[in-house]
Amino acid sequence: MITAIVLIDCATDSIPEVAENLANLPGVSEVYSVAGHVDLIAMVRVREFEQIAEIIAGSISKVPGVLNTESHIAFRAYSQHDLEEAFAIGLASAD
């Protein structure tokens, strides 16, 4: 599975509508409304690298209200479970 994190600037008067339209696109697994220098963050998950371009350039960028996108491709995913195992030193839990 290939994951892309897409930072999205959109028209401020249409953030909820843009987010809903993005969430309905194939390959977009989640859309978050966030504080900071962007308005939305979309998580795109696909099986093949070529699908990234199709979804981001071909779909996300064409949603009315989307002004700009910045995409980041994930190399590796770390979950809380993975991090706990990586930093465990073999001691028994204090529970």
PDB file of N, CA and C in Angstrom:
ATOM      1  N   MET A   1       0.846  -1.173   0.000  1.00  0.00           N
ATOM      2  CA  MET A   1       0.000   0.000   0.000  1.00  0.00           C
ATOM      3  C   MET A   1       0.889   1.233   0.000  1.00  0.00           C
ATOM      4  N   ILE A   2       0.591   2.182  -0.869  1.00  0.00           N
ATOM      5  CA  ILE A   2       1.316   3.442  -0.957  1.00  0.00           C
ATOM      6  C   ILE A   2       0.449   4.527  -0.330  1.00  0.00           C
ATOM      7  N   THR A   3       1.052   5.310   0.562  1.00  0.00           N
ATOM      8  CA  THR A   3       0.321   6.373   1.242  1.00  0.00           C
ATOM      9  C   THR A   3       0.901   7.719   0.866  1.00  0.00           C
ATOM     10  N   ALA A   4       0.023   8.650   0.518  1.00  0.00           N
ATOM     11  CA  ALA A   4       0.417  10.035   0.281  1.00  0.00           C
ATOM     12  C   ALA A   4      -0.354  10.913   1.251  1.00  0.00           C
ATOM     13  N   ILE A   5       0.353  11.890   1.801  1.00  0.00           N
ATOM     14  CA  ILE A   5      -0.265  12.883   2.667  1.00  0.00           C
ATOM     15  C   ILE A   5      -0.349  14.151   1.830  1.00  0.00           C
ATOM     16  N   VAL A   6      -1.559  14.666   1.633  1.00  0.00           N
ATOM     17  CA  VAL A   6      -1.762  15.803   0.749  1.00  0.00           C
ATOM     18  C   VAL A   6      -2.241  16.999   1.576  1.00  0.00           C
ATOM     19  N   LEU A   7      -1.419  18.062   1.587  1.00  0.00           N
ATOM     20  CA  LEU A   7      -1.771  19.298   2.267  1.00  0.00           C
ATOM     21  C   LEU A   7      -2.532  20.160   1.268  1.00  0.00           C
ATOM     22  N   ILE A   8      -3.672  20.679   1.689  1.00  0.00           N
ATOM     23  CA  ILE A   8      -4.572  21.348   0.755  1.00  0.00           C
ATOM     24  C   ILE A   8      -4.964  22.732   1.256  1.00  0.00           C
ATOM     25  N   ASP A   9      -4.748  23.729   0.397  1.00  0.00           N
ATOM     26  CA  ASP A   9      -5.279  25.074   0.624  1.00  0.00           C
ATOM     27  C   ASP A   9      -6.579  25.160  -0.151  1.00  0.00           C
ATOM     28  N   CYS A  10      -7.604  25.709   0.493  1.00  0.00           N
ATOM     29  CA  CYS A  10      -8.867  25.844  -0.219  1.00  0.00           C
ATOM     30  C   CYS A  10      -9.540  27.155   0.151  1.00  0.00           C
ATOM     31  N   ALA A  11     -10.569  27.490  -0.580  1.00  0.00           N
ATOM     32  CA  ALA A  11     -11.339  28.692  -0.302  1.00  0.00           C
ATOM     33  C   ALA A  11     -11.949  28.561   1.091  1.00  0.00           C
ATOM     34  N   THR A  12     -11.673  29.538   1.961  1.00  0.00           N
ATOM     35  CA  THR A  12     -12.076  29.411   3.359  1.00  0.00           C
ATOM     36  C   THR A  12     -13.585  29.344   3.558  1.00  0.00           C
ATOM     37  N   ASP A  13     -14.353  29.860   2.633  1.00  0.00           N
ATOM     38  CA  ASP A  13     -15.804  29.815   2.791  1.00  0.00           C
ATOM     39  C   ASP A  13     -16.407  28.489   2.345  1.00  0.00           C
ATOM     40  N   SER A  14     -15.558  27.562   1.880  1.00  0.00           N
ATOM     41  CA  SER A  14     -16.098  26.277   1.415  1.00  0.00           C
ATOM     42  C   SER A  14     -15.344  25.076   1.965  1.00  0.00           C
ATOM     43  N   ILE A  15     -14.663  25.233   3.083  1.00  0.00           N
ATOM     44  CA  ILE A  15     -13.867  24.128   3.644  1.00  0.00           C
ATOM     45  C   ILE A  15     -14.712  22.879   3.890  1.00  0.00           C
ATOM     46  N   PRO A  16     -15.869  22.962   4.552  1.00  0.00           N
ATOM     47  CA  PRO A  16     -16.650  21.732   4.791  1.00  0.00           C
ATOM     48  C   PRO A  16     -17.076  21.023   3.503  1.00  0.00           C
ATOM     49  N   GLU A  17     -17.509  21.802   2.505  1.00  0.00           N
ATOM     50  CA  GLU A  17     -17.948  21.203   1.244  1.00  0.00           C
ATOM     51  C   GLU A  17     -16.773  20.566   0.501  1.00  0.00           C
ATOM     52  N   VAL A  18     -15.642  21.256   0.494  1.00  0.00           N
ATOM     53  CA  VAL A  18     -14.448  20.703  -0.156  1.00  0.00           C
ATOM     54  C   VAL A  18     -14.041  19.412   0.534  1.00  0.00           C
ATOM     55  N   ALA A  19     -14.028  19.413   1.862  1.00  0.00           N
ATOM     56  CA  ALA A  19     -13.641  18.219   2.618  1.00  0.00           C
ATOM     57  C   ALA A  19     -14.553  17.036   2.300  1.00  0.00           C
ATOM     58  N   GLU A  20     -15.850  17.279   2.237  1.00  0.00           N
ATOM     59  CA  GLU A  20     -16.793  16.196   1.913  1.00  0.00           C
ATOM     60  C   GLU A  20     -16.571  15.670   0.506  1.00  0.00           C
ATOM     61  N   ASN A  21     -16.359  16.572  -0.450  1.00  0.00           N
ATOM     62  CA  ASN A  21     -16.105  16.137  -1.825  1.00  0.00           C
ATOM     63  C   ASN A  21     -14.810  15.330  -1.922  1.00  0.00           C
ATOM     64  N   LEU A  22     -13.787  15.761  -1.214  1.00  0.00           N
ATOM     65  CA  LEU A  22     -12.520  15.021  -1.221  1.00  0.00           C
ATOM     66  C   LEU A  22     -12.686  13.639  -0.598  1.00  0.00           C
ATOM     67  N   ALA A  23     -13.404  13.569   0.509  1.00  0.00           N
ATOM     68  CA  ALA A  23     -13.591  12.294   1.208  1.00  0.00           C
ATOM     69  C   ALA A  23     -14.336  11.273   0.355  1.00  0.00           C
ATOM     70  N   ASN A  24     -15.104  11.746  -0.618  1.00  0.00           N
ATOM     71  CA  ASN A  24     -15.852  10.840  -1.489  1.00  0.00           C
ATOM     72  C   ASN A  24     -15.053  10.350  -2.689  1.00  0.00           C
ATOM     73  N   LEU A  25     -13.833  10.857  -2.865  1.00  0.00           N
ATOM     74  CA  LEU A  25     -13.019  10.433  -4.007  1.00  0.00           C
ATOM     75  C   LEU A  25     -12.421   9.048  -3.767  1.00  0.00           C
ATOM     76  N   PRO A  26     -12.376   8.203  -4.789  1.00  0.00           N
ATOM     77  CA  PRO A  26     -11.721   6.900  -4.652  1.00  0.00           C
ATOM     78  C   PRO A  26     -10.233   7.103  -4.311  1.00  0.00           C
ATOM     79  N   GLY A  27      -9.745   6.353  -3.350  1.00  0.00           N
ATOM     80  CA  GLY A  27      -8.347   6.433  -2.951  1.00  0.00           C
ATOM     81  C   GLY A  27      -8.099   7.369  -1.792  1.00  0.00           C
ATOM     82  N   VAL A  28      -9.044   8.253  -1.498  1.00  0.00           N
ATOM     83  CA  VAL A  28      -8.902   9.163  -0.353  1.00  0.00           C
ATOM     84  C   VAL A  28      -9.533   8.471   0.851  1.00  0.00           C
ATOM     85  N   SER A  29      -8.695   8.124   1.833  1.00  0.00           N
ATOM     86  CA  SER A  29      -9.209   7.376   2.978  1.00  0.00           C
ATOM     87  C   SER A  29      -9.705   8.279   4.096  1.00  0.00           C
ATOM     88  N   GLU A  30      -9.090   9.448   4.275  1.00  0.00           N
ATOM     89  CA  GLU A  30      -9.509  10.379   5.315  1.00  0.00           C
ATOM     90  C   GLU A  30      -9.208  11.796   4.863  1.00  0.00           C
ATOM     91  N   VAL A  31      -9.986  12.737   5.405  1.00  0.00           N
ATOM     92  CA  VAL A  31      -9.717  14.158   5.200  1.00  0.00           C
ATOM     93  C   VAL A  31      -9.864  14.831   6.560  1.00  0.00           C
ATOM     94  N   TYR A  32      -8.867  15.619   6.928  1.00  0.00           N
ATOM     95  CA  TYR A  32      -8.868  16.311   8.212  1.00  0.00           C
ATOM     96  C   TYR A  32      -8.893  17.820   7.996  1.00  0.00           C
ATOM     97  N   SER A  33      -9.741  18.514   8.729  1.00  0.00           N
ATOM     98  CA  SER A  33      -9.709  19.966   8.790  1.00  0.00           C
ATOM     99  C   SER A  33      -8.717  20.300   9.896  1.00  0.00           C
ATOM    100  N   VAL A  34      -7.743  21.166   9.596  1.00  0.00           N
ATOM    101  CA  VAL A  34      -6.647  21.392  10.543  1.00  0.00           C
ATOM    102  C   VAL A  34      -6.377  22.879  10.745  1.00  0.00           C
ATOM    103  N   ALA A  35      -5.683  23.186  11.829  1.00  0.00           N
ATOM    104  CA  ALA A  35      -5.173  24.530  12.077  1.00  0.00           C
ATOM    105  C   ALA A  35      -3.751  24.576  11.537  1.00  0.00           C
ATOM    106  N   GLY A  36      -3.316  25.747  11.122  1.00  0.00           N
ATOM    107  CA  GLY A  36      -1.961  25.883  10.611  1.00  0.00           C
ATOM    108  C   GLY A  36      -1.953  26.537   9.247  1.00  0.00           C
ATOM    109  N   HIS A  37      -0.901  26.296   8.486  1.00  0.00           N
ATOM    110  CA  HIS A  37      -0.747  26.975   7.199  1.00  0.00           C
ATOM    111  C   HIS A  37      -1.530  26.340   6.056  1.00  0.00           C
ATOM    112  N   VAL A  38      -2.219  25.229   6.307  1.00  0.00           N
ATOM    113  CA  VAL A  38      -3.105  24.630   5.304  1.00  0.00           C
ATOM    114  C   VAL A  38      -4.487  24.461   5.920  1.00  0.00           C
ATOM    115  N   ASP A  39      -5.469  24.241   5.067  1.00  0.00           N
ATOM    116  CA  ASP A  39      -6.847  24.101   5.544  1.00  0.00           C
ATOM    117  C   ASP A  39      -7.258  22.654   5.782  1.00  0.00           C
ATOM    118  N   LEU A  40      -6.797  21.762   4.892  1.00  0.00           N
ATOM    119  CA  LEU A  40      -7.177  20.354   4.962  1.00  0.00           C
ATOM    120  C   LEU A  40      -5.955  19.469   4.739  1.00  0.00           C
ATOM    121  N   ILE A  41      -6.000  18.284   5.301  1.00  0.00           N
ATOM    122  CA  ILE A  41      -5.006  17.248   5.010  1.00  0.00           C
ATOM    123  C   ILE A  41      -5.768  15.998   4.595  1.00  0.00           C
ATOM    124  N   ALA A  42      -5.430  15.483   3.423  1.00  0.00           N
ATOM    125  CA  ALA A  42      -6.067  14.264   2.915  1.00  0.00           C
ATOM    126  C   ALA A  42      -5.055  13.127   2.919  1.00  0.00           C
ATOM    127  N   MET A  43      -5.504  11.964   3.326  1.00  0.00           N
ATOM    128  CA  MET A  43      -4.693  10.751   3.273  1.00  0.00           C
ATOM    129  C   MET A  43      -5.137   9.960   2.053  1.00  0.00           C
ATOM    130  N   VAL A  44      -4.189   9.695   1.174  1.00  0.00           N
ATOM    131  CA  VAL A  44      -4.470   8.939  -0.048  1.00  0.00           C
ATOM    132  C   VAL A  44      -3.746   7.608   0.068  1.00  0.00           C
ATOM    133  N   ARG A  45      -4.476   6.519  -0.118  1.00  0.00           N
ATOM    134  CA  ARG A  45      -3.888   5.179  -0.031  1.00  0.00           C
ATOM    135  C   ARG A  45      -4.257   4.399  -1.294  1.00  0.00           C
ATOM    136  N   VAL A  46      -3.213   3.950  -2.004  1.00  0.00           N
ATOM    137  CA  VAL A  46      -3.418   3.235  -3.265  1.00  0.00           C
ATOM    138  C   VAL A  46      -2.463   2.048  -3.339  1.00  0.00           C
ATOM    139  N   ARG A  47      -2.717   1.171  -4.289  1.00  0.00           N
ATOM    140  CA  ARG A  47      -1.870  -0.012  -4.467  1.00  0.00           C
ATOM    141  C   ARG A  47      -0.689   0.248  -5.400  1.00  0.00           C
ATOM    142  N   GLU A  48      -0.875   1.135  -6.376  1.00  0.00           N
ATOM    143  CA  GLU A  48       0.169   1.372  -7.369  1.00  0.00           C
ATOM    144  C   GLU A  48       0.541   2.846  -7.412  1.00  0.00           C
ATOM    145  N   PHE A  49       1.830   3.108  -7.586  1.00  0.00           N
ATOM    146  CA  PHE A  49       2.344   4.469  -7.579  1.00  0.00           C
ATOM    147  C   PHE A  49       1.661   5.356  -8.619  1.00  0.00           C
ATOM    148  N   GLU A  50       1.357   4.800  -9.780  1.00  0.00           N
ATOM    149  CA  GLU A  50       0.736   5.584 -10.845  1.00  0.00           C
ATOM    150  C   GLU A  50      -0.616   6.166 -10.420  1.00  0.00           C
ATOM    151  N   GLN A  51      -1.287   5.503  -9.504  1.00  0.00           N
ATOM    152  CA  GLN A  51      -2.589   5.975  -9.039  1.00  0.00           C
ATOM    153  C   GLN A  51      -2.476   7.279  -8.249  1.00  0.00           C
ATOM    154  N   ILE A  52      -1.315   7.530  -7.654  1.00  0.00           N
ATOM    155  CA  ILE A  52      -1.113   8.763  -6.892  1.00  0.00           C
ATOM    156  C   ILE A  52      -1.352   9.973  -7.796  1.00  0.00           C
ATOM    157  N   ALA A  53      -0.719   9.986  -8.956  1.00  0.00           N
ATOM    158  CA  ALA A  53      -0.878  11.112  -9.882  1.00  0.00           C
ATOM    159  C   ALA A  53      -2.326  11.244 -10.343  1.00  0.00           C
ATOM    160  N   GLU A  54      -2.959  10.110 -10.615  1.00  0.00           N
ATOM    161  CA  GLU A  54      -4.348  10.142 -11.063  1.00  0.00           C
ATOM    162  C   GLU A  54      -5.247  10.789 -10.013  1.00  0.00           C
ATOM    163  N   ILE A  55      -5.032  10.421  -8.754  1.00  0.00           N
ATOM    164  CA  ILE A  55      -5.904  10.918  -7.693  1.00  0.00           C
ATOM    165  C   ILE A  55      -5.586  12.366  -7.349  1.00  0.00           C
ATOM    166  N   ILE A  56      -4.295  12.688  -7.174  1.00  0.00           N
ATOM    167  CA  ILE A  56      -3.947  14.042  -6.742  1.00  0.00           C
ATOM    168  C   ILE A  56      -4.125  15.051  -7.876  1.00  0.00           C
ATOM    169  N   ALA A  57      -3.458  14.830  -8.995  1.00  0.00           N
ATOM    170  CA  ALA A  57      -3.554  15.788 -10.105  1.00  0.00           C
ATOM    171  C   ALA A  57      -4.875  15.668 -10.852  1.00  0.00           C
ATOM    172  N   GLY A  58      -5.373  14.457 -10.972  1.00  0.00           N
ATOM    173  CA  GLY A  58      -6.574  14.241 -11.763  1.00  0.00           C
ATOM    174  C   GLY A  58      -7.875  14.425 -11.028  1.00  0.00           C
ATOM    175  N   SER A  59      -7.862  14.305  -9.703  1.00  0.00           N
ATOM    176  CA  SER A  59      -9.118  14.408  -8.947  1.00  0.00           C
ATOM    177  C   SER A  59      -9.080  15.487  -7.870  1.00  0.00           C
ATOM    178  N   ILE A  60      -8.138  15.363  -6.923  1.00  0.00           N
ATOM    179  CA  ILE A  60      -8.105  16.308  -5.795  1.00  0.00           C
ATOM    180  C   ILE A  60      -7.958  17.745  -6.291  1.00  0.00           C
ATOM    181  N   SER A  61      -7.010  17.987  -7.175  1.00  0.00           N
ATOM    182  CA  SER A  61      -6.750  19.347  -7.651  1.00  0.00           C
ATOM    183  C   SER A  61      -7.914  19.939  -8.430  1.00  0.00           C
ATOM    184  N   LYS A  62      -8.816  19.098  -8.910  1.00  0.00           N
ATOM    185  CA  LYS A  62      -9.946  19.571  -9.715  1.00  0.00           C
ATOM    186  C   LYS A  62     -11.229  19.766  -8.916  1.00  0.00           C
ATOM    187  N   VAL A  63     -11.190  19.454  -7.622  1.00  0.00           N
ATOM    188  CA  VAL A  63     -12.375  19.676  -6.787  1.00  0.00           C
ATOM    189  C   VAL A  63     -12.585  21.185  -6.647  1.00  0.00           C
ATOM    190  N   PRO A  64     -13.794  21.668  -6.930  1.00  0.00           N
ATOM    191  CA  PRO A  64     -14.053  23.107  -6.782  1.00  0.00           C
ATOM    192  C   PRO A  64     -13.724  23.586  -5.364  1.00  0.00           C
ATOM    193  N   GLY A  65     -12.974  24.663  -5.276  1.00  0.00           N
ATOM    194  CA  GLY A  65     -12.581  25.213  -3.982  1.00  0.00           C
ATOM    195  C   GLY A  65     -11.154  24.886  -3.593  1.00  0.00           C
ATOM    196  N   VAL A  66     -10.544  23.880  -4.230  1.00  0.00           N
ATOM    197  CA  VAL A  66      -9.142  23.552  -3.958  1.00  0.00           C
ATOM    198  C   VAL A  66      -8.272  24.564  -4.700  1.00  0.00           C
ATOM    199  N   LEU A  67      -7.418  25.258  -3.944  1.00  0.00           N
ATOM    200  CA  LEU A  67      -6.569  26.292  -4.536  1.00  0.00           C
ATOM    201  C   LEU A  67      -5.150  25.807  -4.791  1.00  0.00           C
ATOM    202  N   ASN A  68      -4.641  24.934  -3.904  1.00  0.00           N
ATOM    203  CA  ASN A  68      -3.257  24.469  -4.010  1.00  0.00           C
ATOM    204  C   ASN A  68      -3.099  23.171  -3.238  1.00  0.00           C
ATOM    205  N   THR A  69      -2.196  22.317  -3.705  1.00  0.00           N
ATOM    206  CA  THR A  69      -1.891  21.088  -2.974  1.00  0.00           C
ATOM    207  C   THR A  69      -0.377  20.927  -2.843  1.00  0.00           C
ATOM    208  N   GLU A  70       0.028  20.255  -1.783  1.00  0.00           N
ATOM    209  CA  GLU A  70       1.418  19.864  -1.585  1.00  0.00           C
ATOM    210  C   GLU A  70       1.387  18.417  -1.119  1.00  0.00           C
ATOM    211  N   SER A  71       2.072  17.548  -1.841  1.00  0.00           N
ATOM    212  CA  SER A  71       1.980  16.113  -1.571  1.00  0.00           C
ATOM    213  C   SER A  71       3.266  15.554  -0.999  1.00  0.00           C
ATOM    214  N   HIS A  72       3.107  14.621  -0.072  1.00  0.00           N
ATOM    215  CA  HIS A  72       4.233  13.931   0.556  1.00  0.00           C
ATOM    216  C   HIS A  72       3.962  12.432   0.485  1.00  0.00           C
ATOM    217  N   ILE A  73       4.935  11.676  -0.007  1.00  0.00           N
ATOM    218  CA  ILE A  73       4.800  10.225  -0.104  1.00  0.00           C
ATOM    219  C   ILE A  73       5.437   9.602   1.137  1.00  0.00           C
ATOM    220  N   ALA A  74       4.717   8.726   1.794  1.00  0.00           N
ATOM    221  CA  ALA A  74       5.238   8.059   2.988  1.00  0.00           C
ATOM    222  C   ALA A  74       6.152   6.908   2.590  1.00  0.00           C
ATOM    223  N   PHE A  75       7.310   6.826   3.233  1.00  0.00           N
ATOM    224  CA  PHE A  75       8.237   5.720   3.001  1.00  0.00           C
ATOM    225  C   PHE A  75       7.917   4.531   3.907  1.00  0.00           C
ATOM    226  N   ARG A  76       7.602   4.839   5.168  1.00  0.00           N
ATOM    227  CA  ARG A  76       7.371   3.790   6.151  1.00  0.00           C
ATOM    228  C   ARG A  76       6.362   4.307   7.166  1.00  0.00           C
ATOM    229  N   ALA A  77       5.532   3.431   7.679  1.00  0.00           N
ATOM    230  CA  ALA A  77       4.549   3.811   8.694  1.00  0.00           C
ATOM    231  C   ALA A  77       4.979   3.260  10.048  1.00  0.00           C
ATOM    232  N   TYR A  78       4.822   4.071  11.057  1.00  0.00           N
ATOM    233  CA  TYR A  78       5.111   3.654  12.427  1.00  0.00           C
ATOM    234  C   TYR A  78       3.843   3.823  13.245  1.00  0.00           C
ATOM    235  N   SER A  79       3.460   2.781  13.926  1.00  0.00           N
ATOM    236  CA  SER A  79       2.298   2.869  14.806  1.00  0.00           C
ATOM    237  C   SER A  79       2.795   2.942  16.245  1.00  0.00           C
ATOM    238  N   GLN A  80       1.912   3.283  17.160  1.00  0.00           N
ATOM    239  CA  GLN A  80       2.287   3.337  18.578  1.00  0.00           C
ATOM    240  C   GLN A  80       2.810   1.976  19.031  1.00  0.00           C
ATOM    241  N   HIS A  81       2.204   0.913  18.540  1.00  0.00           N
ATOM    242  CA  HIS A  81       2.642  -0.443  18.876  1.00  0.00           C
ATOM    243  C   HIS A  81       4.079  -0.667  18.422  1.00  0.00           C
ATOM    244  N   ASP A  82       4.418  -0.252  17.194  1.00  0.00           N
ATOM    245  CA  ASP A  82       5.775  -0.402  16.681  1.00  0.00           C
ATOM    246  C   ASP A  82       6.773   0.382  17.504  1.00  0.00           C
ATOM    247  N   LEU A  83       6.416   1.604  17.898  1.00  0.00           N
ATOM    248  CA  LEU A  83       7.322   2.435  18.678  1.00  0.00           C
ATOM    249  C   LEU A  83       7.567   1.850  20.059  1.00  0.00           C
ATOM    250  N   GLU A  84       6.537   1.308  20.688  1.00  0.00           N
ATOM    251  CA  GLU A  84       6.710   0.699  22.008  1.00  0.00           C
ATOM    252  C   GLU A  84       7.678  -0.473  21.935  1.00  0.00           C
ATOM    253  N   GLU A  85       7.557  -1.296  20.882  1.00  0.00           N
ATOM    254  CA  GLU A  85       8.467  -2.426  20.723  1.00  0.00           C
ATOM    255  C   GLU A  85       9.891  -1.970  20.443  1.00  0.00           C
ATOM    256  N   ALA A  86      10.048  -0.906  19.654  1.00  0.00           N
ATOM    257  CA  ALA A  86      11.377  -0.434  19.296  1.00  0.00           C
ATOM    258  C   ALA A  86      12.128   0.093  20.514  1.00  0.00           C
ATOM    259  N   PHE A  87      11.415   0.676  21.483  1.00  0.00           N
ATOM    260  CA  PHE A  87      12.088   1.254  22.639  1.00  0.00           C
ATOM    261  C   PHE A  87      12.034   0.350  23.880  1.00  0.00           C
ATOM    262  N   ALA A  88      11.442  -0.825  23.758  1.00  0.00           N
ATOM    263  CA  ALA A  88      11.407  -1.746  24.888  1.00  0.00           C
ATOM    264  C   ALA A  88      12.801  -2.293  25.126  1.00  0.00           C
ATOM    265  N   ILE A  89      13.163  -2.437  26.395  1.00  0.00           N
ATOM    266  CA  ILE A  89      14.510  -2.960  26.708  1.00  0.00           C
ATOM    267  C   ILE A  89      14.427  -4.306  27.404  1.00  0.00           C
ATOM    268  N   GLY A  90      13.278  -4.948  27.259  1.00  0.00           N
ATOM    269  CA  GLY A  90      13.148  -6.291  27.809  1.00  0.00           C
ATOM    270  C   GLY A  90      12.684  -6.343  29.251  1.00  0.00           C
ATOM    271  N   LEU A  91      12.344  -5.236  29.839  1.00  0.00           N
ATOM    272  CA  LEU A  91      11.857  -5.215  31.213  1.00  0.00           C
ATOM    273  C   LEU A  91      10.387  -5.556  31.248  1.00  0.00           C
ATOM    274  N   ALA A  92       9.988  -6.205  32.289  1.00  0.00           N
ATOM    275  CA  ALA A  92       8.584  -6.544  32.465  1.00  0.00           C
ATOM    276  C   ALA A  92       7.779  -5.272  32.726  1.00  0.00           C
ATOM    277  N   SER A  93       6.565  -5.264  32.296  1.00  0.00           N
ATOM    278  CA  SER A  93       5.690  -4.131  32.492  1.00  0.00           C
ATOM    279  C   SER A  93       5.435  -3.919  33.970  1.00  0.00           C
ATOM    280  N   ALA A  94       5.285  -2.664  34.397  1.00  0.00           N
ATOM    281  CA  ALA A  94       5.049  -2.348  35.802  1.00  0.00           C
ATOM    282  C   ALA A  94       3.585  -2.514  36.177  1.00  0.00           C
ATOM    283  N   ASP A  95       2.748  -2.925  35.257  1.00  0.00           N
ATOM    284  CA  ASP A  95       1.309  -3.075  35.524  1.00  0.00           C
ATOM    285  C   ASP A  95       1.024  -4.143  36.514  1.00  0.00           C
TER     286      ASP A  95
END
